[in-house]
């Protein structure tokens, strides 16, 4: 029981900064010495209106047991509400979240869609800065970055 309480402590420490986060997976592994929490199988992370699903996820802690990086790997899908209220959704092979500057890095076959306007960006790497409403799309030699957007009709 003592070991289980340590695992839960390590698992929950990263989320004390958020109002409420629900994490579920087939398996949760906490490693206090490596300051790492691993979630395996049908990973789902919910926070307010935000949601992320992946095959596997890792939460890396700094020396003060605060999250300094979160990584989701395999079949990553997400739904986020930006600071300005815009809703986006996306998918990729991998996603990183850097809490220090609230930056998401969407990696490998990355697609992000603004739901209300049906705008879509595709690239090898997409960087989203949550607070700023900033997005940067990077392509590669084989697949350039792409933006697809719908023009609103002008009134007659």
C-alpha atoms as a PDB file:
ATOM      1  CA  UNK A   1       0.000   0.000   0.000  1.00  0.00           C
ATOM      2  CA  UNK A   2       2.891   2.341   0.753  1.00  0.00           C
ATOM      3  CA  UNK A   3       4.237   1.798  -2.794  1.00  0.00           C
ATOM      4  CA  UNK A   4       0.797   2.500  -4.309  1.00  0.00           C
ATOM      5  CA  UNK A   5       0.506   5.794  -2.423  1.00  0.00           C
ATOM      6  CA  UNK A   6       3.936   6.860  -3.761  1.00  0.00           C
ATOM      7  CA  UNK A   7       2.866   6.007  -7.315  1.00  0.00           C
ATOM      8  CA  UNK A   8      -0.346   8.010  -6.952  1.00  0.00           C
ATOM      9  CA  UNK A   9       1.585  10.903  -5.376  1.00  0.00           C
ATOM     10  CA  UNK A  10       4.010  10.998  -8.344  1.00  0.00           C
ATOM     11  CA  UNK A  11       1.149  10.690 -10.793  1.00  0.00           C
ATOM     12  CA  UNK A  12      -0.906  13.492  -9.297  1.00  0.00           C
ATOM     13  CA  UNK A  13       1.879  15.984  -8.497  1.00  0.00           C
ATOM     14  CA  UNK A  14       2.085  17.322 -12.076  1.00  0.00           C
ATOM     15  CA  UNK A  15      -1.541  18.338 -12.073  1.00  0.00           C
ATOM     16  CA  UNK A  16      -1.772  20.423  -8.910  1.00  0.00           C
ATOM     17  CA  UNK A  17      -1.550  23.571 -11.025  1.00  0.00           C
ATOM     18  CA  UNK A  18      -4.789  22.754 -12.867  1.00  0.00           C
ATOM     19  CA  UNK A  19      -8.347  23.066 -11.629  1.00  0.00           C
ATOM     20  CA  UNK A  20      -9.097  19.369 -12.174  1.00  0.00           C
ATOM     21  CA  UNK A  21      -7.581  16.788 -14.478  1.00  0.00           C
ATOM     22  CA  UNK A  22      -8.823  13.266 -15.052  1.00  0.00           C
ATOM     23  CA  UNK A  23      -6.267  10.760 -16.336  1.00  0.00           C
ATOM     24  CA  UNK A  24      -7.095   7.221 -17.345  1.00  0.00           C
ATOM     25  CA  UNK A  25      -5.115   4.393 -18.953  1.00  0.00           C
ATOM     26  CA  UNK A  26      -4.882   0.623 -18.847  1.00  0.00           C
ATOM     27  CA  UNK A  27      -1.665   0.936 -16.829  1.00  0.00           C
ATOM     28  CA  UNK A  28      -0.077   3.721 -14.762  1.00  0.00           C
ATOM     29  CA  UNK A  29       3.592   3.448 -13.758  1.00  0.00           C
ATOM     30  CA  UNK A  30       5.309   5.937 -11.451  1.00  0.00           C
ATOM     31  CA  UNK A  31       9.088   6.078 -11.029  1.00  0.00           C
ATOM     32  CA  UNK A  32      10.018   8.398  -8.181  1.00  0.00           C
ATOM     33  CA  UNK A  33      13.791   8.173  -8.758  1.00  0.00           C
ATOM     34  CA  UNK A  34      13.553   8.986 -12.476  1.00  0.00           C
ATOM     35  CA  UNK A  35      10.803  11.578 -11.813  1.00  0.00           C
ATOM     36  CA  UNK A  36       8.668  10.002 -14.506  1.00  0.00           C
ATOM     37  CA  UNK A  37       5.080   8.843 -14.788  1.00  0.00           C
ATOM     38  CA  UNK A  38       4.160   6.555 -17.680  1.00  0.00           C
ATOM     39  CA  UNK A  39       0.612   5.871 -18.860  1.00  0.00           C
ATOM     40  CA  UNK A  40       0.069   2.882 -21.167  1.00  0.00           C
ATOM     41  CA  UNK A  41      -2.886   1.792 -23.267  1.00  0.00           C
ATOM     42  CA  UNK A  42      -5.989   3.829 -24.115  1.00  0.00           C
ATOM     43  CA  UNK A  43      -4.577   6.956 -22.482  1.00  0.00           C
ATOM     44  CA  UNK A  44      -7.058   9.773 -21.973  1.00  0.00           C
ATOM     45  CA  UNK A  45      -6.398  13.108 -20.291  1.00  0.00           C
ATOM     46  CA  UNK A  46      -9.293  15.510 -19.628  1.00  0.00           C
ATOM     47  CA  UNK A  47      -9.027  19.047 -18.269  1.00  0.00           C
ATOM     48  CA  UNK A  48     -11.931  21.504 -18.414  1.00  0.00           C
ATOM     49  CA  UNK A  49     -12.888  21.607 -22.122  1.00  0.00           C
ATOM     50  CA  UNK A  50      -9.600  20.045 -23.278  1.00  0.00           C
ATOM     51  CA  UNK A  51      -9.121  16.376 -24.077  1.00  0.00           C
ATOM     52  CA  UNK A  52      -6.223  14.235 -25.332  1.00  0.00           C
ATOM     53  CA  UNK A  53      -6.151  10.573 -26.318  1.00  0.00           C
ATOM     54  CA  UNK A  54      -3.084   8.482 -27.179  1.00  0.00           C
ATOM     55  CA  UNK A  55      -1.634   4.987 -27.000  1.00  0.00           C
ATOM     56  CA  UNK A  56       0.984   6.014 -24.429  1.00  0.00           C
ATOM     57  CA  UNK A  57       2.028   9.105 -22.458  1.00  0.00           C
ATOM     58  CA  UNK A  58       4.907  10.244 -20.247  1.00  0.00           C
ATOM     59  CA  UNK A  59       4.987  13.011 -17.641  1.00  0.00           C
ATOM     60  CA  UNK A  60       8.486  14.272 -16.802  1.00  0.00           C
ATOM     61  CA  UNK A  61       9.040  16.136 -13.517  1.00  0.00           C
ATOM     62  CA  UNK A  62      11.760  18.585 -12.527  1.00  0.00           C
ATOM     63  CA  UNK A  63      13.723  18.484  -9.252  1.00  0.00           C
ATOM     64  CA  UNK A  64      10.775  20.186  -7.480  1.00  0.00           C
ATOM     65  CA  UNK A  65       8.315  17.522  -8.708  1.00  0.00           C
ATOM     66  CA  UNK A  66       6.668  19.974 -11.085  1.00  0.00           C
ATOM     67  CA  UNK A  67       5.914  18.921 -14.672  1.00  0.00           C
ATOM     68  CA  UNK A  68       8.422  20.276 -17.175  1.00  0.00           C
ATOM     69  CA  UNK A  69       7.351  18.165 -20.157  1.00  0.00           C
ATOM     70  CA  UNK A  70       4.461  15.914 -21.099  1.00  0.00           C
ATOM     71  CA  UNK A  71       4.652  13.601 -24.102  1.00  0.00           C
ATOM     72  CA  UNK A  72       1.904  11.592 -25.839  1.00  0.00           C
ATOM     73  CA  UNK A  73       2.896   8.929 -28.367  1.00  0.00           C
ATOM     74  CA  UNK A  74       0.960   6.877 -30.895  1.00  0.00           C
ATOM     75  CA  UNK A  75      -2.394   7.688 -32.448  1.00  0.00           C
ATOM     76  CA  UNK A  76      -2.552  11.079 -30.721  1.00  0.00           C
ATOM     77  CA  UNK A  77      -5.866  12.959 -30.964  1.00  0.00           C
ATOM     78  CA  UNK A  78      -6.742  16.159 -29.125  1.00  0.00           C
ATOM     79  CA  UNK A  79      -9.411  18.823 -28.675  1.00  0.00           C
ATOM     80  CA  UNK A  80      -8.399  22.193 -27.160  1.00  0.00           C
ATOM     81  CA  UNK A  81      -9.970  25.553 -26.380  1.00  0.00           C
ATOM     82  CA  UNK A  82      -7.485  28.378 -26.934  1.00  0.00           C
ATOM     83  CA  UNK A  83      -7.216  31.412 -24.637  1.00  0.00           C
ATOM     84  CA  UNK A  84      -9.391  33.463 -27.039  1.00  0.00           C
ATOM     85  CA  UNK A  85     -12.154  30.801 -26.980  1.00  0.00           C
ATOM     86  CA  UNK A  86     -11.428  29.250 -30.395  1.00  0.00           C
ATOM     87  CA  UNK A  87     -11.784  25.448 -30.484  1.00  0.00           C
ATOM     88  CA  UNK A  88      -9.227  23.352 -32.314  1.00  0.00           C
ATOM     89  CA  UNK A  89      -8.813  19.632 -32.821  1.00  0.00           C
ATOM     90  CA  UNK A  90      -6.028  17.596 -34.283  1.00  0.00           C
ATOM     91  CA  UNK A  91      -4.106  14.407 -34.666  1.00  0.00           C
ATOM     92  CA  UNK A  92      -0.478  13.355 -34.998  1.00  0.00           C
ATOM     93  CA  UNK A  93       2.028  10.613 -34.271  1.00  0.00           C
ATOM     94  CA  UNK A  94       3.281  12.449 -31.181  1.00  0.00           C
ATOM     95  CA  UNK A  95       2.528  15.525 -29.080  1.00  0.00           C
ATOM     96  CA  UNK A  96       4.618  17.401 -26.517  1.00  0.00           C
ATOM     97  CA  UNK A  97       3.353  19.899 -23.979  1.00  0.00           C
ATOM     98  CA  UNK A  98       5.771  22.324 -22.308  1.00  0.00           C
ATOM     99  CA  UNK A  99       4.016  23.862 -19.274  1.00  0.00           C
ATOM    100  CA  UNK A 100       6.626  26.614 -18.756  1.00  0.00           C
ATOM    101  CA  UNK A 101       5.381  28.521 -21.816  1.00  0.00           C
ATOM    102  CA  UNK A 102       2.131  26.620 -22.447  1.00  0.00           C
ATOM    103  CA  UNK A 103       3.405  25.359 -25.796  1.00  0.00           C
ATOM    104  CA  UNK A 104       2.136  22.314 -27.658  1.00  0.00           C
ATOM    105  CA  UNK A 105       4.319  20.660 -30.281  1.00  0.00           C
ATOM    106  CA  UNK A 106       2.363  18.381 -32.608  1.00  0.00           C
ATOM    107  CA  UNK A 107       4.788  16.036 -34.398  1.00  0.00           C
ATOM    108  CA  UNK A 108       4.667  13.638 -37.360  1.00  0.00           C
ATOM    109  CA  UNK A 109       1.756  13.701 -39.832  1.00  0.00           C
ATOM    110  CA  UNK A 110       0.353  16.608 -37.835  1.00  0.00           C
ATOM    111  CA  UNK A 111      -3.083  18.027 -38.643  1.00  0.00           C
ATOM    112  CA  UNK A 112      -4.812  20.833 -36.717  1.00  0.00           C
ATOM    113  CA  UNK A 113      -8.293  22.086 -37.560  1.00  0.00           C
ATOM    114  CA  UNK A 114     -10.100  25.187 -36.279  1.00  0.00           C
ATOM    115  CA  UNK A 115     -13.559  23.732 -35.774  1.00  0.00           C
ATOM    116  CA  UNK A 116     -15.810  26.788 -36.239  1.00  0.00           C
ATOM    117  CA  UNK A 117     -14.154  28.023 -39.436  1.00  0.00           C
ATOM    118  CA  UNK A 118     -13.119  24.673 -40.879  1.00  0.00           C
ATOM    119  CA  UNK A 119      -9.544  25.955 -41.377  1.00  0.00           C
ATOM    120  CA  UNK A 120      -6.942  23.171 -41.523  1.00  0.00           C
ATOM    121  CA  UNK A 121      -3.135  23.187 -41.241  1.00  0.00           C
ATOM    122  CA  UNK A 122      -0.925  20.192 -42.013  1.00  0.00           C
ATOM    123  CA  UNK A 123       2.769  19.717 -41.477  1.00  0.00           C
ATOM    124  CA  UNK A 124       5.551  17.627 -40.055  1.00  0.00           C
ATOM    125  CA  UNK A 125       5.603  19.807 -36.928  1.00  0.00           C
ATOM    126  CA  UNK A 126       2.987  22.245 -35.665  1.00  0.00           C
ATOM    127  CA  UNK A 127       3.721  24.508 -32.706  1.00  0.00           C
ATOM    128  CA  UNK A 128       0.798  26.031 -30.795  1.00  0.00           C
ATOM    129  CA  UNK A 129       1.300  28.589 -28.055  1.00  0.00           C
ATOM    130  CA  UNK A 130      -1.911  28.357 -26.067  1.00  0.00           C
ATOM    131  CA  UNK A 131      -1.973  31.797 -24.421  1.00  0.00           C
ATOM    132  CA  UNK A 132      -0.875  33.750 -27.492  1.00  0.00           C
ATOM    133  CA  UNK A 133      -3.113  31.994 -30.022  1.00  0.00           C
ATOM    134  CA  UNK A 134       0.129  31.469 -32.015  1.00  0.00           C
ATOM    135  CA  UNK A 135       0.648  28.668 -34.517  1.00  0.00           C
ATOM    136  CA  UNK A 136       3.734  27.768 -36.568  1.00  0.00           C
ATOM    137  CA  UNK A 137       3.615  25.010 -39.178  1.00  0.00           C
ATOM    138  CA  UNK A 138       6.789  23.331 -40.451  1.00  0.00           C
ATOM    139  CA  UNK A 139       6.936  20.982 -43.422  1.00  0.00           C
ATOM    140  CA  UNK A 140       9.758  18.818 -44.695  1.00  0.00           C
ATOM    141  CA  UNK A 141      11.381  18.023 -48.058  1.00  0.00           C
ATOM    142  CA  UNK A 142       8.697  15.512 -49.025  1.00  0.00           C
ATOM    143  CA  UNK A 143       5.656  17.289 -47.604  1.00  0.00           C
ATOM    144  CA  UNK A 144       5.559  21.097 -47.417  1.00  0.00           C
ATOM    145  CA  UNK A 145       3.443  22.832 -44.774  1.00  0.00           C
ATOM    146  CA  UNK A 146      -0.133  23.343 -45.971  1.00  0.00           C
ATOM    147  CA  UNK A 147      -2.959  25.669 -45.000  1.00  0.00           C
ATOM    148  CA  UNK A 148      -6.500  25.095 -46.198  1.00  0.00           C
ATOM    149  CA  UNK A 149      -9.057  27.735 -45.316  1.00  0.00           C
ATOM    150  CA  UNK A 150     -12.554  28.713 -46.352  1.00  0.00           C
ATOM    151  CA  UNK A 151     -13.203  32.257 -47.523  1.00  0.00           C
ATOM    152  CA  UNK A 152     -16.369  33.792 -46.182  1.00  0.00           C
ATOM    153  CA  UNK A 153     -18.707  35.110 -48.842  1.00  0.00           C
ATOM    154  CA  UNK A 154     -18.950  38.872 -49.041  1.00  0.00           C
ATOM    155  CA  UNK A 155     -22.439  40.317 -48.648  1.00  0.00           C
ATOM    156  CA  UNK A 156     -23.998  41.481 -51.930  1.00  0.00           C
END
